[in-house]
Amino acid sequence: MPMSWVKVKTTSSRRMRECMGDDLSRQQFETCLHAIVQSNGGTVDGTWYEPSTKVAHVHVTWWTVDQRKAIMYDLESLGDGDMLTGEEVDALVEEREAAT
């Protein structure tokens, strides 16, 4: 299953603001983060904050590209890095080599 490191501001996306309301705590952020990602078919596997506390780096697992796109859109991702398992890398290399 593919995963991405997603960089998000802790209160910037419309869905995040709607979910958090007036509670700007990190506990509420993480509750809303899980809800938003799960509503798009993914899972949150970890969250780390920059020292400014205004930006989070989130480990998100997803199963389809459409799920990934929806998650990135709803979180208003500032950037992401896709990660693959060793098996997925081997399959990708085999697929790409066969295409050339």
Protein backbone atom coordinates (compact mmCIF):
# COMPACT_ATOMS: atom_id res chain seq x y z
CA MET A 1 0.00 0.00 0.00
CA PRO A 2 1.44 3.37 -1.00
CA MET A 3 2.05 6.14 1.47
CA SER A 4 2.96 9.81 1.39
CA TRP A 5 4.54 12.30 3.72
CA VAL A 6 2.12 15.21 3.61
CA LYS A 7 3.01 18.70 4.78
CA VAL A 8 0.00 20.70 5.99
CA LYS A 9 -0.66 23.89 7.91
CA THR A 10 -2.47 23.06 11.11
CA THR A 11 -5.50 25.33 10.53
CA SER A 12 -5.51 26.37 6.90
CA SER A 13 -7.79 24.07 4.92
CA ARG A 14 -11.52 24.76 4.76
CA ARG A 15 -12.38 21.25 5.97
CA MET A 16 -9.89 21.51 8.84
CA ARG A 17 -11.27 24.89 9.95
CA GLU A 18 -14.86 23.60 9.78
CA CYS A 19 -13.95 20.53 11.83
CA MET A 20 -11.83 22.32 14.44
CA GLY A 21 -14.17 25.24 15.08
CA ASP A 22 -12.80 27.33 17.94
CA ASP A 23 -10.66 24.50 19.38
CA LEU A 24 -7.15 25.09 17.99
CA SER A 25 -5.46 22.43 20.13
CA ARG A 26 -3.20 19.83 18.55
CA GLN A 27 -5.48 17.12 19.95
CA GLN A 28 -8.42 18.57 17.98
CA PHE A 29 -6.20 18.99 14.90
CA GLU A 30 -5.25 15.30 15.03
CA THR A 31 -8.87 14.24 15.56
CA CYS A 32 -9.92 16.26 12.51
CA LEU A 33 -6.89 15.10 10.51
CA HIS A 34 -7.84 11.46 11.04
CA ALA A 35 -11.48 12.19 10.16
CA ILE A 36 -10.60 14.01 6.92
CA VAL A 37 -8.10 11.39 5.77
CA GLN A 38 -10.43 8.50 6.66
CA SER A 39 -13.33 10.15 4.84
CA ASN A 40 -11.22 9.86 1.70
CA GLY A 41 -10.30 6.20 2.30
CA GLY A 42 -6.83 6.69 3.79
CA THR A 43 -5.24 6.32 7.20
CA VAL A 44 -2.98 8.55 9.29
CA ASP A 45 0.00 6.57 10.54
CA GLY A 46 1.88 9.36 12.32
CA THR A 47 2.03 13.13 12.81
CA TRP A 48 5.06 15.31 13.60
CA TYR A 49 5.19 19.08 14.03
CA GLU A 50 7.75 21.66 13.01
CA PRO A 51 9.03 23.74 15.95
CA SER A 52 6.81 26.64 14.84
CA THR A 53 3.84 24.31 15.63
CA LYS A 54 2.01 25.74 12.61
CA VAL A 55 3.03 22.99 10.15
CA ALA A 56 2.58 19.25 10.49
CA HIS A 57 4.24 16.44 8.57
CA VAL A 58 1.80 13.57 8.32
CA HIS A 59 2.42 9.96 7.31
CA VAL A 60 -0.65 9.01 5.24
CA THR A 61 -1.41 5.59 3.74
CA TRP A 62 -3.74 5.40 0.74
CA TRP A 63 -4.71 2.70 -1.76
CA THR A 64 -5.68 4.55 -4.95
CA VAL A 65 -4.40 7.65 -6.69
CA ASP A 66 -7.89 9.15 -6.46
CA GLN A 67 -7.79 8.75 -2.67
CA ARG A 68 -4.38 10.41 -2.59
CA LYS A 69 -5.60 13.33 -4.68
CA ALA A 70 -8.68 13.82 -2.48
CA ILE A 71 -6.60 13.71 0.71
CA MET A 72 -4.10 16.24 -0.62
CA TYR A 73 -6.90 18.53 -1.82
CA ASP A 74 -8.92 18.41 1.41
CA LEU A 75 -5.84 19.04 3.57
CA GLU A 76 -4.61 21.75 1.16
CA SER A 77 -1.26 20.01 1.18
CA LEU A 78 1.82 22.25 0.99
CA GLY A 79 3.75 19.38 -0.51
CA ASP A 80 4.07 15.68 -0.29
CA GLY A 81 6.54 12.93 -0.90
CA ASP A 82 5.32 9.55 -1.99
CA MET A 83 6.98 6.52 -0.47
CA LEU A 84 6.98 2.91 -1.65
CA THR A 85 7.80 -0.39 0.00
CA GLY A 86 10.68 -2.52 -1.33
CA GLU A 87 8.18 -4.80 -3.07
CA GLU A 88 6.49 -1.84 -4.72
CA VAL A 89 9.87 -0.50 -5.91
CA ASP A 90 10.74 -3.89 -7.44
CA ALA A 91 7.37 -4.04 -9.19
CA LEU A 92 7.75 -0.49 -10.49
CA VAL A 93 11.25 -1.15 -11.83
CA GLU A 94 10.08 -4.35 -13.50
CA GLU A 95 7.09 -2.57 -15.03
CA ARG A 96 9.12 0.41 -16.28
CA GLU A 97 11.91 -1.79 -17.67
CA ALA A 98 9.35 -3.88 -19.58
CA ALA A 99 7.90 -0.68 -21.07
CA THR A 100 11.23 0.38 -22.62
